[in-house]
Amino acid sequence: MSTDHKKHKTNTLAITRDINTFDEQTGNLYEAVVVISKRANQIALDMKEELADKMKEFATGRDTMEEILENREQIDLARHYEQMPKPTLSAIQEYLDKQIYFRRPEE
């Protein structure tokens, strides 16, 4: 759809939003929800692939209990991803900032 979700500043807290602002771009609330959900799925997939690539660096041929408990870098990486805004919140913010390009199939 459009921009890089990492460059976009997103509030990590769920806040109450005015529903009327969602249908301004599409003319229909349900279409807005579809656009936002598709973008959230794209962001989630990007985050999942990025995390998987970073986790490959920590993969070893053998796993012992000591290695699992002592890998601080892996724990820090997991904490970083837990603190990132959820894909849905990022997609909503991008939509409200009009940074998502979308088109209807019939157009």
PDB file of N, CA and C in Angstrom:
ATOM      1  N   MET A   1       0.825  -1.179   0.000  1.00  0.00           N
ATOM      2  CA  MET A   1       0.000   0.000   0.000  1.00  0.00           C
ATOM      3  C   MET A   1       0.874   1.249   0.000  1.00  0.00           C
ATOM      4  N   SER A   2       1.495   1.637   1.122  1.00  0.00           N
ATOM      5  CA  SER A   2       2.297   2.841   0.989  1.00  0.00           C
ATOM      6  C   SER A   2       3.533   2.831   1.860  1.00  0.00           C
ATOM      7  N   THR A   3       3.584   3.613   2.878  1.00  0.00           N
ATOM      8  CA  THR A   3       4.807   3.974   3.577  1.00  0.00           C
ATOM      9  C   THR A   3       5.362   2.872   4.461  1.00  0.00           C
ATOM     10  N   ASP A   4       6.578   3.113   4.901  1.00  0.00           N
ATOM     11  CA  ASP A   4       7.251   2.211   5.821  1.00  0.00           C
ATOM     12  C   ASP A   4       6.707   2.458   7.218  1.00  0.00           C
ATOM     13  N   HIS A   5       6.187   1.435   7.846  1.00  0.00           N
ATOM     14  CA  HIS A   5       5.537   1.598   9.146  1.00  0.00           C
ATOM     15  C   HIS A   5       6.511   1.979  10.245  1.00  0.00           C
ATOM     16  N   LYS A   6       7.797   1.726  10.074  1.00  0.00           N
ATOM     17  CA  LYS A   6       8.770   2.049  11.116  1.00  0.00           C
ATOM     18  C   LYS A   6       9.022   3.551  11.209  1.00  0.00           C
ATOM     19  N   LYS A   7       8.886   4.243  10.111  1.00  0.00           N
ATOM     20  CA  LYS A   7       9.140   5.684  10.088  1.00  0.00           C
ATOM     21  C   LYS A   7       7.978   6.478  10.664  1.00  0.00           C
ATOM     22  N   HIS A   8       6.862   5.821  10.805  1.00  0.00           N
ATOM     23  CA  HIS A   8       5.645   6.498  11.239  1.00  0.00           C
ATOM     24  C   HIS A   8       5.529   6.430  12.751  1.00  0.00           C
ATOM     25  N   LYS A   9       5.305   7.561  13.398  1.00  0.00           N
ATOM     26  CA  LYS A   9       5.164   7.614  14.852  1.00  0.00           C
ATOM     27  C   LYS A   9       3.743   7.210  15.225  1.00  0.00           C
ATOM     28  N   THR A  10       3.627   6.162  16.022  1.00  0.00           N
ATOM     29  CA  THR A  10       2.325   5.636  16.407  1.00  0.00           C
ATOM     30  C   THR A  10       2.233   5.540  17.916  1.00  0.00           C
ATOM     31  N   ASN A  11       1.097   5.938  18.435  1.00  0.00           N
ATOM     32  CA  ASN A  11       0.841   5.801  19.859  1.00  0.00           C
ATOM     33  C   ASN A  11       0.638   4.316  20.167  1.00  0.00           C
ATOM     34  N   THR A  12       1.288   3.814  21.207  1.00  0.00           N
ATOM     35  CA  THR A  12       1.179   2.392  21.533  1.00  0.00           C
ATOM     36  C   THR A  12      -0.054   2.066  22.367  1.00  0.00           C
ATOM     37  N   LEU A  13      -0.782   3.075  22.774  1.00  0.00           N
ATOM     38  CA  LEU A  13      -1.981   2.856  23.574  1.00  0.00           C
ATOM     39  C   LEU A  13      -3.227   2.904  22.700  1.00  0.00           C
ATOM     40  N   ALA A  14      -4.202   2.112  23.053  1.00  0.00           N
ATOM     41  CA  ALA A  14      -5.483   2.161  22.357  1.00  0.00           C
ATOM     42  C   ALA A  14      -6.253   3.374  22.871  1.00  0.00           C
ATOM     43  N   ILE A  15      -6.708   4.209  21.954  1.00  0.00           N
ATOM     44  CA  ILE A  15      -7.442   5.403  22.349  1.00  0.00           C
ATOM     45  C   ILE A  15      -8.804   5.411  21.662  1.00  0.00           C
ATOM     46  N   THR A  16      -9.732   6.147  22.238  1.00  0.00           N
ATOM     47  CA  THR A  16     -11.058   6.281  21.654  1.00  0.00           C
ATOM     48  C   THR A  16     -10.970   7.177  20.430  1.00  0.00           C
ATOM     49  N   ARG A  17     -11.582   6.748  19.356  1.00  0.00           N
ATOM     50  CA  ARG A  17     -11.526   7.513  18.108  1.00  0.00           C
ATOM     51  C   ARG A  17     -12.938   7.841  17.630  1.00  0.00           C
ATOM     52  N   ASP A  18     -13.041   8.917  16.870  1.00  0.00           N
ATOM     53  CA  ASP A  18     -14.318   9.327  16.301  1.00  0.00           C
ATOM     54  C   ASP A  18     -14.574   8.501  15.041  1.00  0.00           C
ATOM     55  N   ILE A  19     -15.630   7.754  15.027  1.00  0.00           N
ATOM     56  CA  ILE A  19     -15.941   6.876  13.899  1.00  0.00           C
ATOM     57  C   ILE A  19     -16.170   7.676  12.618  1.00  0.00           C
ATOM     58  N   ASN A  20     -16.676   8.883  12.737  1.00  0.00           N
ATOM     59  CA  ASN A  20     -16.972   9.687  11.547  1.00  0.00           C
ATOM     60  C   ASN A  20     -15.724  10.035  10.753  1.00  0.00           C
ATOM     61  N   THR A  21     -14.560  10.041  11.380  1.00  0.00           N
ATOM     62  CA  THR A  21     -13.331  10.361  10.647  1.00  0.00           C
ATOM     63  C   THR A  21     -12.873   9.200   9.775  1.00  0.00           C
ATOM     64  N   PHE A  22     -13.343   8.005  10.054  1.00  0.00           N
ATOM     65  CA  PHE A  22     -12.897   6.840   9.297  1.00  0.00           C
ATOM     66  C   PHE A  22     -13.514   6.757   7.912  1.00  0.00           C
ATOM     67  N   ASP A  23     -14.736   7.243   7.749  1.00  0.00           N
ATOM     68  CA  ASP A  23     -15.372   7.102   6.441  1.00  0.00           C
ATOM     69  C   ASP A  23     -15.173   8.314   5.537  1.00  0.00           C
ATOM     70  N   GLU A  24     -14.344   9.263   5.939  1.00  0.00           N
ATOM     71  CA  GLU A  24     -14.100  10.442   5.100  1.00  0.00           C
ATOM     72  C   GLU A  24     -13.388  10.075   3.801  1.00  0.00           C
ATOM     73  N   GLN A  25     -12.420   9.179   3.859  1.00  0.00           N
ATOM     74  CA  GLN A  25     -11.642   8.828   2.670  1.00  0.00           C
ATOM     75  C   GLN A  25     -12.360   7.846   1.755  1.00  0.00           C
ATOM     76  N   THR A  26     -13.093   6.912   2.350  1.00  0.00           N
ATOM     77  CA  THR A  26     -13.729   5.869   1.544  1.00  0.00           C
ATOM     78  C   THR A  26     -15.207   6.120   1.304  1.00  0.00           C
ATOM     79  N   GLY A  27     -15.832   6.895   2.165  1.00  0.00           N
ATOM     80  CA  GLY A  27     -17.262   7.121   2.051  1.00  0.00           C
ATOM     81  C   GLY A  27     -18.077   6.032   2.730  1.00  0.00           C
ATOM     82  N   ASN A  28     -17.398   5.045   3.272  1.00  0.00           N
ATOM     83  CA  ASN A  28     -18.085   3.920   3.891  1.00  0.00           C
ATOM     84  C   ASN A  28     -17.206   3.386   5.019  1.00  0.00           C
ATOM     85  N   LEU A  29     -17.764   3.256   6.190  1.00  0.00           N
ATOM     86  CA  LEU A  29     -17.011   2.790   7.351  1.00  0.00           C
ATOM     87  C   LEU A  29     -16.469   1.381   7.134  1.00  0.00           C
ATOM     88  N   TYR A  30     -17.251   0.521   6.526  1.00  0.00           N
ATOM     89  CA  TYR A  30     -16.840  -0.866   6.327  1.00  0.00           C
ATOM     90  C   TYR A  30     -15.673  -0.963   5.345  1.00  0.00           C
ATOM     91  N   GLU A  31     -15.674  -0.137   4.322  1.00  0.00           N
ATOM     92  CA  GLU A  31     -14.539  -0.116   3.401  1.00  0.00           C
ATOM     93  C   GLU A  31     -13.285   0.376   4.109  1.00  0.00           C
ATOM     94  N   ALA A  32     -13.443   1.341   4.989  1.00  0.00           N
ATOM     95  CA  ALA A  32     -12.303   1.841   5.754  1.00  0.00           C
ATOM     96  C   ALA A  32     -11.722   0.737   6.634  1.00  0.00           C
ATOM     97  N   VAL A  33     -12.589  -0.049   7.248  1.00  0.00           N
ATOM     98  CA  VAL A  33     -12.126  -1.155   8.091  1.00  0.00           C
ATOM     99  C   VAL A  33     -11.377  -2.189   7.253  1.00  0.00           C
ATOM    100  N   VAL A  34     -11.852  -2.458   6.050  1.00  0.00           N
ATOM    101  CA  VAL A  34     -11.174  -3.409   5.166  1.00  0.00           C
ATOM    102  C   VAL A  34      -9.791  -2.890   4.791  1.00  0.00           C
ATOM    103  N   VAL A  35      -9.698  -1.624   4.431  1.00  0.00           N
ATOM    104  CA  VAL A  35      -8.412  -1.024   4.067  1.00  0.00           C
ATOM    105  C   VAL A  35      -7.440  -1.102   5.241  1.00  0.00           C
ATOM    106  N   ILE A  36      -7.911  -0.731   6.412  1.00  0.00           N
ATOM    107  CA  ILE A  36      -7.058  -0.746   7.606  1.00  0.00           C
ATOM    108  C   ILE A  36      -6.632  -2.173   7.943  1.00  0.00           C
ATOM    109  N   SER A  37      -7.542  -3.117   7.841  1.00  0.00           N
ATOM    110  CA  SER A  37      -7.195  -4.498   8.196  1.00  0.00           C
ATOM    111  C   SER A  37      -6.197  -5.100   7.213  1.00  0.00           C
ATOM    112  N   LYS A  38      -6.336  -4.777   5.928  1.00  0.00           N
ATOM    113  CA  LYS A  38      -5.367  -5.282   4.952  1.00  0.00           C
ATOM    114  C   LYS A  38      -3.986  -4.685   5.196  1.00  0.00           C
ATOM    115  N   ARG A  39      -3.943  -3.408   5.521  1.00  0.00           N
ATOM    116  CA  ARG A  39      -2.651  -2.777   5.820  1.00  0.00           C
ATOM    117  C   ARG A  39      -2.056  -3.357   7.104  1.00  0.00           C
ATOM    118  N   ALA A  40      -2.886  -3.602   8.111  1.00  0.00           N
ATOM    119  CA  ALA A  40      -2.400  -4.196   9.362  1.00  0.00           C
ATOM    120  C   ALA A  40      -1.815  -5.584   9.102  1.00  0.00           C
ATOM    121  N   ASN A  41      -2.444  -6.343   8.226  1.00  0.00           N
ATOM    122  CA  ASN A  41      -1.906  -7.662   7.871  1.00  0.00           C
ATOM    123  C   ASN A  41      -0.555  -7.539   7.179  1.00  0.00           C
ATOM    124  N   GLN A  42      -0.400  -6.540   6.305  1.00  0.00           N
ATOM    125  CA  GLN A  42       0.886  -6.315   5.647  1.00  0.00           C
ATOM    126  C   GLN A  42       1.967  -5.955   6.664  1.00  0.00           C
ATOM    127  N   ILE A  43       1.639  -5.073   7.583  1.00  0.00           N
ATOM    128  CA  ILE A  43       2.601  -4.657   8.607  1.00  0.00           C
ATOM    129  C   ILE A  43       2.981  -5.850   9.482  1.00  0.00           C
ATOM    130  N   ALA A  44       1.998  -6.649   9.883  1.00  0.00           N
ATOM    131  CA  ALA A  44       2.268  -7.821  10.722  1.00  0.00           C
ATOM    132  C   ALA A  44       3.171  -8.816  10.002  1.00  0.00           C
ATOM    133  N   LEU A  45       2.941  -9.011   8.717  1.00  0.00           N
ATOM    134  CA  LEU A  45       3.772  -9.922   7.940  1.00  0.00           C
ATOM    135  C   LEU A  45       5.205  -9.401   7.845  1.00  0.00           C
ATOM    136  N   ASP A  46       5.359  -8.099   7.610  1.00  0.00           N
ATOM    137  CA  ASP A  46       6.698  -7.502   7.570  1.00  0.00           C
ATOM    138  C   ASP A  46       7.423  -7.680   8.896  1.00  0.00           C
ATOM    139  N   MET A  47       6.714  -7.429   9.989  1.00  0.00           N
ATOM    140  CA  MET A  47       7.318  -7.566  11.314  1.00  0.00           C
ATOM    141  C   MET A  47       7.701  -9.021  11.592  1.00  0.00           C
ATOM    142  N   LYS A  48       6.854  -9.945  11.189  1.00  0.00           N
ATOM    143  CA  LYS A  48       7.122 -11.363  11.414  1.00  0.00           C
ATOM    144  C   LYS A  48       8.354 -11.812  10.629  1.00  0.00           C
ATOM    145  N   GLU A  49       8.460 -11.392   9.370  1.00  0.00           N
ATOM    146  CA  GLU A  49       9.615 -11.752   8.551  1.00  0.00           C
ATOM    147  C   GLU A  49      10.894 -11.139   9.108  1.00  0.00           C
ATOM    148  N   GLU A  50      10.811  -9.898   9.539  1.00  0.00           N
ATOM    149  CA  GLU A  50      11.968  -9.225  10.112  1.00  0.00           C
ATOM    150  C   GLU A  50      12.432  -9.924  11.389  1.00  0.00           C
ATOM    151  N   LEU A  51      11.498 -10.288  12.240  1.00  0.00           N
ATOM    152  CA  LEU A  51      11.835 -10.993  13.477  1.00  0.00           C
ATOM    153  C   LEU A  51      12.433 -12.364  13.174  1.00  0.00           C
ATOM    154  N   ALA A  52      11.877 -13.066  12.210  1.00  0.00           N
ATOM    155  CA  ALA A  52      12.399 -14.389  11.849  1.00  0.00           C
ATOM    156  C   ALA A  52      13.832 -14.285  11.333  1.00  0.00           C
ATOM    157  N   ASP A  53      14.115 -13.252  10.528  1.00  0.00           N
ATOM    158  CA  ASP A  53      15.478 -13.050  10.030  1.00  0.00           C
ATOM    159  C   ASP A  53      16.450 -12.781  11.169  1.00  0.00           C
ATOM    160  N   LYS A  54      16.033 -11.974  12.119  1.00  0.00           N
ATOM    161  CA  LYS A  54      16.907 -11.663  13.252  1.00  0.00           C
ATOM    162  C   LYS A  54      17.085 -12.867  14.168  1.00  0.00           C
ATOM    163  N   MET A  55      16.053 -13.685  14.294  1.00  0.00           N
ATOM    164  CA  MET A  55      16.148 -14.865  15.156  1.00  0.00           C
ATOM    165  C   MET A  55      17.041 -15.940  14.543  1.00  0.00           C
ATOM    166  N   LYS A  56      17.187 -15.942  13.212  1.00  0.00           N
ATOM    167  CA  LYS A  56      18.078 -16.906  12.564  1.00  0.00           C
ATOM    168  C   LYS A  56      19.518 -16.717  13.023  1.00  0.00           C
ATOM    169  N   GLU A  57      19.879 -15.495  13.388  1.00  0.00           N
ATOM    170  CA  GLU A  57      21.227 -15.227  13.865  1.00  0.00           C
ATOM    171  C   GLU A  57      21.508 -15.977  15.164  1.00  0.00           C
ATOM    172  N   PHE A  58      20.477 -16.236  15.946  1.00  0.00           N
ATOM    173  CA  PHE A  58      20.645 -16.891  17.237  1.00  0.00           C
ATOM    174  C   PHE A  58      20.505 -18.409  17.152  1.00  0.00           C
ATOM    175  N   ALA A  59      20.090 -18.912  16.009  1.00  0.00           N
ATOM    176  CA  ALA A  59      19.862 -20.347  15.872  1.00  0.00           C
ATOM    177  C   ALA A  59      21.188 -21.101  15.917  1.00  0.00           C
ATOM    178  N   THR A  60      21.205 -22.160  16.683  1.00  0.00           N
ATOM    179  CA  THR A  60      22.380 -23.022  16.768  1.00  0.00           C
ATOM    180  C   THR A  60      21.948 -24.448  16.482  1.00  0.00           C
ATOM    181  N   GLY A  61      22.915 -25.284  16.223  1.00  0.00           N
ATOM    182  CA  GLY A  61      22.621 -26.680  15.939  1.00  0.00           C
ATOM    183  C   GLY A  61      22.151 -27.432  17.162  1.00  0.00           C
ATOM    184  N   ARG A  62      22.553 -26.986  18.312  1.00  0.00           N
ATOM    185  CA  ARG A  62      22.151 -27.672  19.540  1.00  0.00           C
ATOM    186  C   ARG A  62      21.554 -26.648  20.504  1.00  0.00           C
ATOM    187  N   ASP A  63      20.569 -27.060  21.207  1.00  0.00           N
ATOM    188  CA  ASP A  63      19.935 -26.200  22.204  1.00  0.00           C
ATOM    189  C   ASP A  63      20.041 -26.864  23.568  1.00  0.00           C
ATOM    190  N   THR A  64      20.717 -26.190  24.453  1.00  0.00           N
ATOM    191  CA  THR A  64      20.767 -26.679  25.826  1.00  0.00           C
ATOM    192  C   THR A  64      20.021 -25.692  26.695  1.00  0.00           C
ATOM    193  N   MET A  65      19.675 -26.121  27.872  1.00  0.00           N
ATOM    194  CA  MET A  65      18.929 -25.262  28.785  1.00  0.00           C
ATOM    195  C   MET A  65      19.749 -24.029  29.154  1.00  0.00           C
ATOM    196  N   GLU A  66      21.052 -24.164  29.272  1.00  0.00           N
ATOM    197  CA  GLU A  66      21.901 -23.031  29.638  1.00  0.00           C
ATOM    198  C   GLU A  66      21.896 -21.965  28.545  1.00  0.00           C
ATOM    199  N   GLU A  67      21.969 -22.404  27.284  1.00  0.00           N
ATOM    200  CA  GLU A  67      21.976 -21.448  26.177  1.00  0.00           C
ATOM    201  C   GLU A  67      20.659 -20.684  26.112  1.00  0.00           C
ATOM    202  N   ILE A  68      19.578 -21.358  26.364  1.00  0.00           N
ATOM    203  CA  ILE A  68      18.267 -20.714  26.290  1.00  0.00           C
ATOM    204  C   ILE A  68      18.133 -19.658  27.381  1.00  0.00           C
ATOM    205  N   LEU A  69      18.599 -19.966  28.572  1.00  0.00           N
ATOM    206  CA  LEU A  69      18.444 -19.041  29.687  1.00  0.00           C
ATOM    207  C   LEU A  69      19.427 -17.876  29.646  1.00  0.00           C
ATOM    208  N   GLU A  70      20.579 -18.046  29.011  1.00  0.00           N
ATOM    209  CA  GLU A  70      21.624 -17.039  29.079  1.00  0.00           C
ATOM    210  C   GLU A  70      21.693 -16.124  27.856  1.00  0.00           C
ATOM    211  N   ASN A  71      20.843 -16.283  26.895  1.00  0.00           N
ATOM    212  CA  ASN A  71      20.940 -15.487  25.682  1.00  0.00           C
ATOM    213  C   ASN A  71      20.230 -14.143  25.873  1.00  0.00           C
ATOM    214  N   ARG A  72      20.934 -13.177  26.418  1.00  0.00           N
ATOM    215  CA  ARG A  72      20.369 -11.856  26.722  1.00  0.00           C
ATOM    216  C   ARG A  72      19.987 -11.097  25.451  1.00  0.00           C
ATOM    217  N   GLU A  73      20.771 -11.240  24.400  1.00  0.00           N
ATOM    218  CA  GLU A  73      20.474 -10.523  23.154  1.00  0.00           C
ATOM    219  C   GLU A  73      19.117 -10.943  22.595  1.00  0.00           C
ATOM    220  N   GLN A  74      18.845 -12.216  22.672  1.00  0.00           N
ATOM    221  CA  GLN A  74      17.567 -12.721  22.177  1.00  0.00           C
ATOM    222  C   GLN A  74      16.412 -12.202  23.040  1.00  0.00           C
ATOM    223  N   ILE A  75      16.626 -12.130  24.332  1.00  0.00           N
ATOM    224  CA  ILE A  75      15.601 -11.604  25.239  1.00  0.00           C
ATOM    225  C   ILE A  75      15.361 -10.126  24.963  1.00  0.00           C
ATOM    226  N   ASP A  76      16.440  -9.367  24.744  1.00  0.00           N
ATOM    227  CA  ASP A  76      16.302  -7.942  24.431  1.00  0.00           C
ATOM    228  C   ASP A  76      15.565  -7.730  23.117  1.00  0.00           C
ATOM    229  N   LEU A  77      15.843  -8.577  22.136  1.00  0.00           N
ATOM    230  CA  LEU A  77      15.154  -8.489  20.849  1.00  0.00           C
ATOM    231  C   LEU A  77      13.658  -8.750  21.024  1.00  0.00           C
ATOM    232  N   ALA A  78      13.320  -9.745  21.816  1.00  0.00           N
ATOM    233  CA  ALA A  78      11.908 -10.053  22.065  1.00  0.00           C
ATOM    234  C   ALA A  78      11.219  -8.893  22.779  1.00  0.00           C
ATOM    235  N   ARG A  79      11.893  -8.294  23.732  1.00  0.00           N
ATOM    236  CA  ARG A  79      11.311  -7.142  24.440  1.00  0.00           C
ATOM    237  C   ARG A  79      11.084  -5.971  23.492  1.00  0.00           C
ATOM    238  N   HIS A  80      12.037  -5.765  22.587  1.00  0.00           N
ATOM    239  CA  HIS A  80      11.897  -4.677  21.616  1.00  0.00           C
ATOM    240  C   HIS A  80      10.628  -4.868  20.780  1.00  0.00           C
ATOM    241  N   TYR A  81      10.408  -6.075  20.299  1.00  0.00           N
ATOM    242  CA  TYR A  81       9.228  -6.332  19.474  1.00  0.00           C
ATOM    243  C   TYR A  81       7.940  -6.279  20.285  1.00  0.00           C
ATOM    244  N   GLU A  82       8.000  -6.621  21.553  1.00  0.00           N
ATOM    245  CA  GLU A  82       6.813  -6.532  22.398  1.00  0.00           C
ATOM    246  C   GLU A  82       6.420  -5.085  22.658  1.00  0.00           C
ATOM    247  N   GLN A  83       7.398  -4.186  22.674  1.00  0.00           N
ATOM    248  CA  GLN A  83       7.126  -2.779  22.959  1.00  0.00           C
ATOM    249  C   GLN A  83       6.730  -1.989  21.721  1.00  0.00           C
ATOM    250  N   MET A  84       6.897  -2.563  20.554  1.00  0.00           N
ATOM    251  CA  MET A  84       6.512  -1.873  19.325  1.00  0.00           C
ATOM    252  C   MET A  84       4.992  -1.764  19.257  1.00  0.00           C
ATOM    253  N   PRO A  85       4.485  -0.737  18.568  1.00  0.00           N
ATOM    254  CA  PRO A  85       3.027  -0.629  18.425  1.00  0.00           C
ATOM    255  C   PRO A  85       2.474  -1.811  17.630  1.00  0.00           C
ATOM    256  N   LYS A  86       1.294  -2.209  17.978  1.00  0.00           N
ATOM    257  CA  LYS A  86       0.649  -3.321  17.288  1.00  0.00           C
ATOM    258  C   LYS A  86       0.343  -2.913  15.850  1.00  0.00           C
ATOM    259  N   PRO A  87       0.350  -3.870  14.922  1.00  0.00           N
ATOM    260  CA  PRO A  87       0.104  -3.551  13.512  1.00  0.00           C
ATOM    261  C   PRO A  87      -1.212  -2.823  13.265  1.00  0.00           C
ATOM    262  N   THR A  88      -2.239  -3.152  14.015  1.00  0.00           N
ATOM    263  CA  THR A  88      -3.532  -2.489  13.835  1.00  0.00           C
ATOM    264  C   THR A  88      -3.444  -1.015  14.183  1.00  0.00           C
ATOM    265  N   LEU A  89      -2.751  -0.690  15.274  1.00  0.00           N
ATOM    266  CA  LEU A  89      -2.600   0.716  15.662  1.00  0.00           C
ATOM    267  C   LEU A  89      -1.796   1.486  14.621  1.00  0.00           C
ATOM    268  N   SER A  90      -0.752   0.857  14.077  1.00  0.00           N
ATOM    269  CA  SER A  90       0.045   1.507  13.035  1.00  0.00           C
ATOM    270  C   SER A  90      -0.790   1.752  11.785  1.00  0.00           C
ATOM    271  N   ALA A  91      -1.587   0.754  11.408  1.00  0.00           N
ATOM    272  CA  ALA A  91      -2.427   0.888  10.215  1.00  0.00           C
ATOM    273  C   ALA A  91      -3.484   1.968  10.397  1.00  0.00           C
ATOM    274  N   ILE A  92      -4.080   2.044  11.567  1.00  0.00           N
ATOM    275  CA  ILE A  92      -5.077   3.089  11.833  1.00  0.00           C
ATOM    276  C   ILE A  92      -4.438   4.463  11.728  1.00  0.00           C
ATOM    277  N   GLN A  93      -3.257   4.625  12.305  1.00  0.00           N
ATOM    278  CA  GLN A  93      -2.580   5.920  12.259  1.00  0.00           C
ATOM    279  C   GLN A  93      -2.225   6.299  10.827  1.00  0.00           C
ATOM    280  N   GLU A  94      -1.722   5.348  10.047  1.00  0.00           N
ATOM    281  CA  GLU A  94      -1.412   5.620   8.643  1.00  0.00           C
ATOM    282  C   GLU A  94      -2.671   6.014   7.880  1.00  0.00           C
ATOM    283  N   TYR A  95      -3.773   5.340   8.152  1.00  0.00           N
ATOM    284  CA  TYR A  95      -5.029   5.644   7.468  1.00  0.00           C
ATOM    285  C   TYR A  95      -5.510   7.050   7.813  1.00  0.00           C
ATOM    286  N   LEU A  96      -5.481   7.390   9.092  1.00  0.00           N
ATOM    287  CA  LEU A  96      -5.949   8.711   9.506  1.00  0.00           C
ATOM    288  C   LEU A  96      -5.035   9.822   8.998  1.00  0.00           C
ATOM    289  N   ASP A  97      -3.748   9.524   8.819  1.00  0.00           N
ATOM    290  CA  ASP A  97      -2.804  10.503   8.273  1.00  0.00           C
ATOM    291  C   ASP A  97      -2.802  10.503   6.748  1.00  0.00           C
ATOM    292  N   LYS A  98      -3.686   9.708   6.155  1.00  0.00           N
ATOM    293  CA  LYS A  98      -3.839   9.608   4.695  1.00  0.00           C
ATOM    294  C   LYS A  98      -2.544   9.183   4.014  1.00  0.00           C
ATOM    295  N   GLN A  99      -1.887   8.200   4.589  1.00  0.00           N
ATOM    296  CA  GLN A  99      -0.645   7.694   4.022  1.00  0.00           C
ATOM    297  C   GLN A  99      -0.809   6.296   3.431  1.00  0.00           C
ATOM    298  N   ILE A 100      -2.036   5.841   3.303  1.00  0.00           N
ATOM    299  CA  ILE A 100      -2.303   4.539   2.696  1.00  0.00           C
ATOM    300  C   ILE A 100      -2.951   4.779   1.342  1.00  0.00           C
ATOM    301  N   TYR A 101      -2.364   4.190   0.311  1.00  0.00           N
ATOM    302  CA  TYR A 101      -2.964   4.256  -1.015  1.00  0.00           C
ATOM    303  C   TYR A 101      -3.842   3.022  -1.183  1.00  0.00           C
ATOM    304  N   PHE A 102      -5.055   3.224  -1.612  1.00  0.00           N
ATOM    305  CA  PHE A 102      -5.951   2.102  -1.862  1.00  0.00           C
ATOM    306  C   PHE A 102      -6.832   2.444  -3.042  1.00  0.00           C
ATOM    307  N   ARG A 103      -7.354   1.400  -3.661  1.00  0.00           N
ATOM    308  CA  ARG A 103      -8.304   1.591  -4.757  1.00  0.00           C
ATOM    309  C   ARG A 103      -9.310   0.463  -4.715  1.00  0.00           C
ATOM    310  N   ARG A 104     -10.456   0.735  -5.261  1.00  0.00           N
ATOM    311  CA  ARG A 104     -11.507  -0.273  -5.306  1.00  0.00           C
ATOM    312  C   ARG A 104     -11.297  -1.147  -6.547  1.00  0.00           C
ATOM    313  N   PRO A 105     -11.597  -2.430  -6.462  1.00  0.00           N
ATOM    314  CA  PRO A 105     -11.391  -3.325  -7.610  1.00  0.00           C
ATOM    315  C   PRO A 105     -12.179  -2.906  -8.851  1.00  0.00           C
ATOM    316  N   GLU A 106     -13.347  -2.308  -8.667  1.00  0.00           N
ATOM    317  CA  GLU A 106     -14.159  -1.932  -9.828  1.00  0.00           C
ATOM    318  C   GLU A 106     -13.659  -0.674 -10.523  1.00  0.00           C
ATOM    319  N   GLU A 107     -12.715   0.026  -9.903  1.00  0.00           N
ATOM    320  CA  GLU A 107     -12.221   1.272 -10.523  1.00  0.00           C
ATOM    321  C   GLU A 107     -11.037   1.016 -11.420  1.00  0.00           C
TER     322      GLU A 107
END
